[in-house]
Amino acid sequence: MDQNTPRDETLATPHKARTALNVLALCFVLSVLGRGLSDSFTVFLKPISESFGWDRASVVSVYSLTWLAAGLTAPLVGRLFDRSGPRVVYSIGLSLLGCAFLVAAHAQALWQFQLSVGLCVGFGTALIGNVSNSILLGRWFGPRLPTAMAVMYSATGAGLLLLLPLSQVLIDRIGWRTAYQAFGITALCLVVPLMLLPWRLLAGGSPHVVRKAETLVDEGWTLLRAMRHHAFWALFSTFFFTAIAMYALTAQIVAYLIDVGFPPLQAATAWGFSGVALFVGMLGVSTLDGIIGRRPSVLFSYGVSILGIILLWLLQWHPNYWLLTGFVICFGSMIGSRGPLITATALKIFRGERVGTIYGTISIGSGLGSGLGAWGGGLLHDWTHSYNPLIVFALVNVVLGMIPFLVVPALRR
């Protein structure tokens, strides 16, 4: 027996573990930037609307296009990642975000916001977002992927916590145009250090995970074959209806809190603190997944989301910090908590060479739902001049989102 072999493997293990954690940290930071910058529009909504005198539905259409573009381009992102790797995908994403915000800083017409903050920010967010990060993390974490995904998805909360209050402070001090200019310059400045990272090492994956993946049978999934499987459409519909519910509300939460009586900075900060709740919720639901199983964990998360929406509704009549805190904890902690579990389920069912393309196509459901939810919520507010129909709309779609986990065999197991 070669006496050096165990020793070499022992020395290699801590190095690979550190590299895996570095990959997770990188995905976390990119997700913070992508989701934080795109969701910052919820703070820009009122000042932009007031500057141009546009109605709520018109301005919210920008936000809906952001998530529509993010969803519709997800298959392209998955295919580009499979072919070109993370360096190209992430660099294009950050460059697109930077240029989009610089254009938005000088926009004068609604279509210019829809093109820049809508379509371009949506595509840029998709490039540095969940599809790319999920595939990269899958090369490093193997059976621990749900936990790694929970950490990565919690970046949504960190982005809200950091960038929503920051956006409000910048708007108050230097105006929304200069704030957008600062966002654009910052994103572009990050492209160079990103490209200089050791991508051959970061993209290679853990040898242990790669070897284990090679022992698994590649069942030859293609996109067309996957689309004929009931699990594909079950996951698609879960993403779709849940996204409708979440984004119908999140697009207008800061405006809603201001309208019921909270000062603007307090409203933005309160919703920003949903990031802390989201981090706890992500890890909590992922931990429950290992204790009570995936289906009960997902259904639990939907129940808590419903409670959060009810608390938001009560704030219209009782705008106090107790109800606000309860809403932030319940709704904020669960807003994306299902994502890691649904993603891990998709990657497991459709594993193989084309998993990026398949998962990206499933993610179209999230993009379509996000765009429809944000736009539909804006229309409901304009038509009724009330938030009550919007809240009912969200509740109905939360229920529709959890139905696949109640009735579809592949998701019940």
Protein backbone atom coordinates (compact mmCIF):
# COMPACT_ATOMS: atom_id res chain seq x y z
CA MET A 1 0.00 0.00 0.00
CA ASP A 2 1.23 3.47 -0.83
CA GLN A 3 1.71 5.21 2.49
CA ASN A 4 1.41 8.64 0.90
CA THR A 5 -2.08 8.18 -0.58
CA PRO A 6 -4.18 8.63 2.58
CA ARG A 7 -1.97 11.50 3.61
CA ASP A 8 -2.43 13.27 0.24
CA GLU A 9 -6.20 12.83 0.39
CA THR A 10 -6.25 14.17 3.94
CA LEU A 11 -4.28 17.23 2.91
CA ALA A 12 -6.50 17.82 -0.09
CA THR A 13 -9.77 17.69 1.84
CA PRO A 14 -9.41 20.97 3.80
CA HIS A 15 -8.31 22.75 0.61
CA LYS A 16 -11.35 21.56 -1.31
CA ALA A 17 -13.61 22.41 1.61
CA ARG A 18 -12.25 25.96 1.68
CA THR A 19 -12.71 26.26 -2.07
CA ALA A 20 -16.31 25.04 -1.78
CA LEU A 21 -16.99 27.68 0.88
CA ASN A 22 -15.39 30.33 -1.32
CA VAL A 23 -17.67 29.30 -4.18
CA LEU A 24 -20.66 29.54 -1.85
CA ALA A 25 -19.54 32.99 -0.69
CA LEU A 26 -19.13 34.15 -4.30
CA CYS A 27 -22.60 32.92 -5.25
CA PHE A 28 -24.00 34.61 -2.15
CA VAL A 29 -22.43 37.98 -3.03
CA LEU A 30 -23.59 37.79 -6.65
CA SER A 31 -27.12 36.95 -5.50
CA VAL A 32 -27.07 39.87 -3.05
CA LEU A 33 -26.14 42.21 -5.88
CA GLY A 34 -28.61 40.78 -8.37
CA ARG A 35 -31.65 40.55 -6.13
CA GLY A 36 -30.83 43.66 -4.10
CA LEU A 37 -30.37 45.88 -7.14
CA SER A 38 -33.46 44.55 -8.91
CA ASP A 39 -35.70 44.72 -5.82
CA SER A 40 -34.48 48.24 -5.04
CA PHE A 41 -37.08 49.38 -7.56
CA THR A 42 -39.72 48.97 -4.85
CA VAL A 43 -38.11 52.00 -3.16
CA PHE A 44 -37.70 53.94 -6.42
CA LEU A 45 -41.35 53.35 -7.37
CA LYS A 46 -42.90 56.34 -5.57
CA PRO A 47 -40.27 58.99 -6.43
CA ILE A 48 -40.25 57.96 -10.11
CA SER A 49 -44.06 57.97 -10.21
CA GLU A 50 -44.19 61.39 -8.57
CA SER A 51 -41.48 62.82 -10.85
CA PHE A 52 -43.37 61.96 -14.04
CA GLY A 53 -46.97 61.80 -12.79
CA TRP A 54 -47.43 58.22 -13.99
CA ASP A 55 -50.06 55.90 -12.50
CA ARG A 56 -49.12 52.92 -10.34
CA ALA A 57 -49.71 50.27 -13.03
CA SER A 58 -47.43 52.07 -15.51
CA VAL A 59 -44.54 52.32 -13.08
CA VAL A 60 -45.01 48.79 -11.73
CA SER A 61 -44.84 47.53 -15.33
CA VAL A 62 -41.10 48.22 -15.13
CA TYR A 63 -40.75 45.89 -12.15
CA SER A 64 -42.92 43.24 -13.79
CA LEU A 65 -40.74 43.34 -16.91
CA THR A 66 -37.67 42.82 -14.72
CA TRP A 67 -38.91 39.48 -13.47
CA LEU A 68 -40.54 38.52 -16.75
CA ALA A 69 -37.18 38.97 -18.46
CA ALA A 70 -35.39 37.11 -15.67
CA GLY A 71 -37.71 34.14 -16.08
CA LEU A 72 -37.90 34.02 -19.87
CA THR A 73 -34.12 34.21 -20.25
CA ALA A 74 -33.45 31.50 -17.65
CA PRO A 75 -33.16 28.68 -20.27
CA LEU A 76 -30.70 30.82 -22.25
CA VAL A 77 -28.70 31.40 -19.06
CA GLY A 78 -28.64 27.66 -18.31
CA ARG A 79 -27.51 26.82 -21.84
CA LEU A 80 -24.88 29.58 -21.84
CA PHE A 81 -23.57 28.32 -18.49
CA ASP A 82 -23.39 24.74 -19.78
CA ARG A 83 -21.44 25.88 -22.85
CA SER A 84 -19.31 28.84 -21.73
CA GLY A 85 -18.94 28.51 -17.95
CA PRO A 86 -19.36 30.90 -15.05
CA ARG A 87 -16.69 33.51 -15.94
CA VAL A 88 -18.50 34.52 -19.15
CA VAL A 89 -21.99 34.33 -17.65
CA TYR A 90 -21.23 36.35 -14.52
CA SER A 91 -19.16 38.98 -16.36
CA ILE A 92 -21.91 39.62 -18.91
CA GLY A 93 -24.46 39.82 -16.10
CA LEU A 94 -22.61 42.46 -14.07
CA SER A 95 -21.80 44.49 -17.19
CA LEU A 96 -25.43 44.47 -18.26
CA LEU A 97 -26.59 45.60 -14.80
CA GLY A 98 -24.08 48.43 -14.71
CA CYS A 99 -25.02 49.75 -18.16
CA ALA A 100 -28.74 49.42 -17.43
CA PHE A 101 -28.60 51.59 -14.32
CA LEU A 102 -26.50 54.23 -16.07
CA VAL A 103 -29.13 54.43 -18.81
CA ALA A 104 -31.93 54.61 -16.22
CA ALA A 105 -30.19 57.54 -14.52
CA HIS A 106 -30.87 59.62 -17.65
CA ALA A 107 -34.24 58.13 -18.68
CA GLN A 108 -37.06 60.53 -19.62
CA ALA A 109 -39.75 58.19 -20.94
CA LEU A 110 -41.47 55.09 -19.57
CA TRP A 111 -40.17 52.86 -22.38
CA GLN A 112 -36.59 53.79 -21.41
CA PHE A 113 -37.21 52.54 -17.86
CA GLN A 114 -38.90 49.42 -19.23
CA LEU A 115 -35.89 48.69 -21.44
CA SER A 116 -33.18 49.44 -18.87
CA VAL A 117 -34.51 48.73 -15.37
CA GLY A 118 -37.01 46.26 -16.82
CA LEU A 119 -35.58 44.03 -19.54
CA CYS A 120 -31.83 44.62 -19.11
CA VAL A 121 -31.80 44.42 -15.30
CA GLY A 122 -33.97 41.30 -15.53
CA PHE A 123 -31.55 39.56 -17.90
CA GLY A 124 -28.55 40.71 -15.87
CA THR A 125 -30.13 39.41 -12.67
CA ALA A 126 -30.80 36.05 -14.34
CA LEU A 127 -27.16 35.80 -15.46
CA ILE A 128 -25.78 36.22 -11.93
CA GLY A 129 -28.76 34.61 -10.22
CA ASN A 130 -30.26 31.31 -9.16
CA VAL A 131 -29.86 29.25 -12.33
CA SER A 132 -26.12 29.90 -12.71
CA ASN A 133 -25.44 29.69 -8.98
CA SER A 134 -27.43 26.48 -8.57
CA ILE A 135 -25.46 24.70 -11.28
CA LEU A 136 -22.12 25.89 -9.87
CA LEU A 137 -23.00 24.92 -6.30
CA GLY A 138 -24.19 21.52 -7.51
CA ARG A 139 -20.61 20.78 -8.57
CA TRP A 140 -19.33 21.30 -5.03
CA PHE A 141 -21.91 20.29 -2.44
CA GLY A 142 -23.57 17.07 -3.62
CA PRO A 143 -25.97 15.79 -0.91
CA ARG A 144 -25.51 19.04 1.02
CA LEU A 145 -26.84 21.05 -1.90
CA PRO A 146 -30.17 21.97 -0.19
CA THR A 147 -28.27 23.59 2.70
CA ALA A 148 -25.93 25.42 0.32
CA MET A 149 -28.91 26.51 -1.73
CA ALA A 150 -30.62 27.81 1.40
CA VAL A 151 -27.60 30.00 2.16
CA MET A 152 -27.48 31.22 -1.44
CA TYR A 153 -31.22 31.92 -1.61
CA SER A 154 -31.00 33.84 1.66
CA ALA A 155 -28.95 36.37 -0.28
CA THR A 156 -32.32 37.71 -1.40
CA GLY A 157 -32.89 38.76 2.19
CA ALA A 158 -29.42 40.20 2.56
CA GLY A 159 -29.97 42.22 -0.61
CA LEU A 160 -33.21 43.62 0.78
CA LEU A 161 -31.62 44.39 4.13
CA LEU A 162 -28.64 46.21 2.63
CA LEU A 163 -29.88 47.84 -0.54
CA LEU A 164 -33.44 48.92 0.26
CA PRO A 165 -32.52 51.24 3.17
CA LEU A 166 -29.42 52.32 1.23
CA SER A 167 -31.61 53.16 -1.77
CA GLN A 168 -33.91 55.29 0.37
CA VAL A 169 -30.96 57.12 1.96
CA LEU A 170 -29.41 57.81 -1.47
CA ILE A 171 -32.74 59.00 -2.88
CA ASP A 172 -33.26 61.35 0.07
CA ARG A 173 -29.74 62.79 -0.16
CA ILE A 174 -28.76 62.82 -3.83
CA GLY A 175 -31.96 62.02 -5.72
CA TRP A 176 -33.08 58.90 -7.52
CA ARG A 177 -31.17 59.65 -10.75
CA THR A 178 -27.81 60.00 -9.03
CA ALA A 179 -28.59 56.92 -6.94
CA TYR A 180 -29.09 54.89 -10.12
CA GLN A 181 -25.84 56.31 -11.48
CA ALA A 182 -24.00 55.14 -8.34
CA PHE A 183 -25.46 51.64 -8.72
CA GLY A 184 -24.33 51.48 -12.35
CA ILE A 185 -20.77 52.59 -11.68
CA THR A 186 -20.43 50.16 -8.77
CA ALA A 187 -21.60 47.19 -10.86
CA LEU A 188 -19.19 48.00 -13.70
CA CYS A 189 -16.26 48.41 -11.30
CA LEU A 190 -16.82 44.87 -10.03
CA VAL A 191 -16.46 43.26 -13.46
CA VAL A 192 -12.64 43.38 -13.57
CA PRO A 193 -11.96 41.69 -10.18
CA LEU A 194 -14.63 39.11 -11.04
CA MET A 195 -12.86 38.17 -14.28
CA LEU A 196 -9.51 37.81 -12.50
CA LEU A 197 -10.74 35.07 -10.14
CA PRO A 198 -9.23 31.55 -10.55
CA TRP A 199 -12.16 30.23 -12.55
CA ARG A 200 -10.54 26.96 -13.60
CA LEU A 201 -10.43 25.97 -9.93
CA LEU A 202 -13.81 27.45 -8.99
CA ALA A 203 -15.67 25.93 -11.94
CA GLY A 204 -14.03 22.50 -11.68
CA GLY A 205 -16.08 21.23 -8.77
CA SER A 206 -15.17 18.88 -5.94
CA PRO A 207 -13.56 15.64 -7.21
CA HIS A 208 -15.61 13.67 -4.68
CA VAL A 209 -18.88 15.21 -5.88
CA VAL A 210 -17.90 14.84 -9.54
CA ARG A 211 -16.96 11.16 -9.06
CA LYS A 212 -20.23 10.51 -7.27
CA ALA A 213 -22.18 12.24 -10.01
CA GLU A 214 -20.43 10.07 -12.60
CA THR A 215 -21.63 6.93 -10.78
CA LEU A 216 -25.24 8.09 -11.02
CA VAL A 217 -27.12 6.97 -14.07
CA ASP A 218 -27.67 9.79 -16.56
CA GLU A 219 -31.17 8.91 -17.70
CA GLY A 220 -30.71 10.89 -20.87
CA TRP A 221 -33.04 13.74 -20.04
CA THR A 222 -33.61 16.19 -22.85
CA LEU A 223 -35.74 19.29 -22.61
CA LEU A 224 -38.53 17.78 -24.73
CA ARG A 225 -38.53 14.56 -22.71
CA ALA A 226 -38.58 16.49 -19.44
CA MET A 227 -41.52 18.58 -20.67
CA ARG A 228 -43.52 15.37 -21.13
CA HIS A 229 -43.02 14.45 -17.47
CA HIS A 230 -45.65 15.55 -14.93
CA ALA A 231 -42.96 16.66 -12.44
CA PHE A 232 -41.74 19.31 -14.89
CA TRP A 233 -45.12 21.04 -15.04
CA ALA A 234 -45.76 20.55 -11.33
CA LEU A 235 -42.54 22.41 -10.50
CA PHE A 236 -43.28 25.00 -13.20
CA SER A 237 -46.76 25.71 -11.78
CA THR A 238 -45.44 25.90 -8.21
CA PHE A 239 -42.90 28.51 -9.29
CA PHE A 240 -45.55 30.34 -11.35
CA PHE A 241 -48.37 30.71 -8.82
CA THR A 242 -46.07 31.31 -5.85
CA ALA A 243 -44.24 34.05 -7.75
CA ILE A 244 -47.55 35.72 -8.67
CA ALA A 245 -48.48 35.88 -4.99
CA MET A 246 -45.11 37.08 -3.74
CA TYR A 247 -44.44 39.74 -6.37
CA ALA A 248 -47.98 41.10 -6.42
CA LEU A 249 -47.22 42.19 -2.86
CA THR A 250 -43.47 42.88 -2.82
CA ALA A 251 -43.69 45.36 -5.69
CA GLN A 252 -45.92 47.60 -3.55
CA ILE A 253 -45.04 46.77 0.06
CA VAL A 254 -42.97 49.91 0.70
CA ALA A 255 -45.65 52.09 -0.95
CA TYR A 256 -48.34 50.27 1.03
CA LEU A 257 -46.58 50.83 4.35
CA ILE A 258 -46.16 54.52 3.53
CA ASP A 259 -49.84 54.81 2.58
CA VAL A 260 -51.00 53.25 5.88
CA GLY A 261 -48.95 55.77 7.87
CA PHE A 262 -45.31 54.73 8.23
CA PRO A 263 -42.55 57.25 7.29
CA PRO A 264 -40.71 56.36 4.04
CA LEU A 265 -37.35 55.47 5.60
CA GLN A 266 -39.05 53.37 8.28
CA ALA A 267 -41.10 51.58 5.62
CA ALA A 268 -38.04 50.80 3.50
CA THR A 269 -36.00 49.75 6.54
CA ALA A 270 -38.78 47.54 7.91
CA TRP A 271 -39.12 45.71 4.63
CA GLY A 272 -35.34 45.59 4.36
CA PHE A 273 -35.23 43.74 7.68
CA SER A 274 -37.21 40.96 6.04
CA GLY A 275 -33.74 39.98 4.85
CA VAL A 276 -32.83 38.87 8.36
CA ALA A 277 -36.09 36.95 8.64
CA LEU A 278 -35.52 35.38 5.24
CA PHE A 279 -32.08 34.09 6.21
CA VAL A 280 -33.53 32.41 9.31
CA GLY A 281 -36.48 31.09 7.30
CA MET A 282 -34.28 29.62 4.59
CA LEU A 283 -32.11 27.72 7.03
CA GLY A 284 -35.11 26.76 9.16
CA VAL A 285 -37.10 25.24 6.30
CA SER A 286 -34.00 23.46 4.96
CA THR A 287 -33.38 22.02 8.43
CA LEU A 288 -37.01 20.88 8.62
CA ASP A 289 -36.49 19.19 5.26
CA GLY A 290 -33.95 16.87 6.88
CA ILE A 291 -36.16 16.21 9.92
CA ILE A 292 -39.75 15.87 8.70
CA GLY A 293 -39.30 15.59 4.93
CA ARG A 294 -39.61 17.85 1.93
CA ARG A 295 -43.37 17.91 1.42
CA PRO A 296 -44.31 18.78 5.05
CA SER A 297 -41.58 21.44 5.11
CA VAL A 298 -42.85 23.08 1.93
CA LEU A 299 -46.47 23.02 3.13
CA PHE A 300 -45.41 24.53 6.46
CA SER A 301 -43.73 27.40 4.62
CA TYR A 302 -46.92 28.11 2.69
CA GLY A 303 -48.94 28.20 5.91
CA VAL A 304 -46.61 30.78 7.45
CA SER A 305 -46.78 32.86 4.24
CA ILE A 306 -50.58 32.92 4.47
CA LEU A 307 -50.36 34.11 8.08
CA GLY A 308 -48.00 36.90 7.00
CA ILE A 309 -50.41 38.10 4.30
CA ILE A 310 -53.24 38.23 6.84
CA LEU A 311 -51.08 40.38 9.14
CA LEU A 312 -50.32 42.70 6.22
CA TRP A 313 -54.06 43.08 5.60
CA LEU A 314 -54.67 43.97 9.28
CA LEU A 315 -52.09 46.78 9.10
CA GLN A 316 -54.62 48.92 7.19
CA TRP A 317 -56.72 49.27 10.34
CA HIS A 318 -54.05 48.85 13.01
CA PRO A 319 -50.75 50.34 11.70
CA ASN A 320 -48.60 49.42 14.68
CA TYR A 321 -45.13 47.95 15.03
CA TRP A 322 -46.37 44.66 16.51
CA LEU A 323 -48.33 43.76 13.39
CA LEU A 324 -45.55 45.12 11.19
CA THR A 325 -42.98 42.95 12.97
CA GLY A 326 -45.23 39.90 12.69
CA PHE A 327 -45.71 40.50 8.98
CA VAL A 328 -41.98 40.95 8.34
CA ILE A 329 -41.16 37.78 10.27
CA CYS A 330 -43.88 35.57 8.74
CA PHE A 331 -44.03 36.80 5.16
CA GLY A 332 -40.38 37.85 4.95
CA SER A 333 -39.00 34.60 6.34
CA MET A 334 -40.94 32.45 3.86
CA ILE A 335 -40.88 34.59 0.71
CA GLY A 336 -38.18 32.43 -0.89
CA SER A 337 -37.83 29.59 1.59
CA ARG A 338 -39.29 27.04 -0.84
CA GLY A 339 -36.78 27.90 -3.55
CA PRO A 340 -33.85 25.75 -2.36
CA LEU A 341 -36.05 22.69 -1.86
CA ILE A 342 -37.81 23.05 -5.21
CA THR A 343 -34.49 23.64 -6.96
CA ALA A 344 -32.87 20.62 -5.31
CA THR A 345 -35.88 18.52 -6.31
CA ALA A 346 -35.59 19.63 -9.95
CA LEU A 347 -31.83 19.01 -10.08
CA LYS A 348 -32.32 15.53 -8.62
CA ILE A 349 -35.18 14.44 -10.89
CA PHE A 350 -33.67 15.78 -14.12
CA ARG A 351 -29.97 15.21 -13.42
CA GLY A 352 -27.71 14.87 -16.42
CA GLU A 353 -25.81 16.90 -18.98
CA ARG A 354 -28.79 19.12 -19.84
CA VAL A 355 -29.90 19.88 -16.30
CA GLY A 356 -29.03 23.57 -16.70
CA THR A 357 -31.29 23.98 -19.71
CA ILE A 358 -34.12 21.99 -18.09
CA TYR A 359 -33.97 23.84 -14.77
CA GLY A 360 -33.71 27.15 -16.59
CA THR A 361 -36.89 26.33 -18.52
CA ILE A 362 -38.71 25.39 -15.32
CA SER A 363 -37.62 28.75 -13.93
CA ILE A 364 -39.61 30.47 -16.67
CA GLY A 365 -42.58 29.81 -14.40
CA SER A 366 -41.05 32.02 -11.74
CA GLY A 367 -40.33 34.80 -14.21
CA LEU A 368 -43.79 34.71 -15.76
CA GLY A 369 -45.41 34.64 -12.33
CA SER A 370 -43.25 37.48 -11.04
CA GLY A 371 -44.04 39.68 -14.03
CA LEU A 372 -47.75 38.88 -14.03
CA GLY A 373 -48.01 39.29 -10.26
CA ALA A 374 -46.31 42.69 -10.15
CA TRP A 375 -48.21 44.04 -13.18
CA GLY A 376 -51.55 42.56 -12.09
CA GLY A 377 -51.11 43.94 -8.60
CA GLY A 378 -50.51 47.41 -10.01
CA LEU A 379 -53.63 47.19 -12.16
CA LEU A 380 -55.74 46.00 -9.24
CA HIS A 381 -54.61 48.97 -7.15
CA ASP A 382 -55.35 51.45 -9.95
CA TRP A 383 -58.76 49.97 -10.73
CA THR A 384 -59.99 49.69 -7.14
CA HIS A 385 -57.87 52.33 -5.32
CA SER A 386 -57.60 49.75 -2.55
CA TYR A 387 -55.11 47.15 -1.44
CA ASN A 388 -57.75 44.60 -0.40
CA PRO A 389 -58.27 43.01 -3.86
CA LEU A 390 -54.49 42.81 -4.18
CA ILE A 391 -54.23 40.91 -0.89
CA VAL A 392 -57.01 38.50 -1.90
CA PHE A 393 -55.28 37.98 -5.25
CA ALA A 394 -52.06 37.05 -3.43
CA LEU A 395 -53.81 34.66 -1.04
CA VAL A 396 -55.52 32.76 -3.86
CA ASN A 397 -52.24 32.28 -5.70
CA VAL A 398 -50.41 31.09 -2.57
CA VAL A 399 -52.99 28.31 -2.27
CA LEU A 400 -52.63 27.44 -5.96
CA GLY A 401 -48.86 27.35 -5.55
CA MET A 402 -48.94 24.67 -2.86
CA ILE A 403 -51.50 22.39 -4.58
CA PRO A 404 -48.87 20.45 -6.60
CA PHE A 405 -47.26 19.32 -3.34
CA LEU A 406 -50.65 17.99 -2.25
CA VAL A 407 -51.63 16.09 -5.40
CA VAL A 408 -48.63 15.38 -7.66
CA PRO A 409 -47.03 11.96 -6.95
CA ALA A 410 -43.45 12.97 -7.77
CA LEU A 411 -43.61 15.87 -5.29
CA ARG A 412 -45.49 13.97 -2.57
CA ARG A 413 -42.68 11.41 -2.27
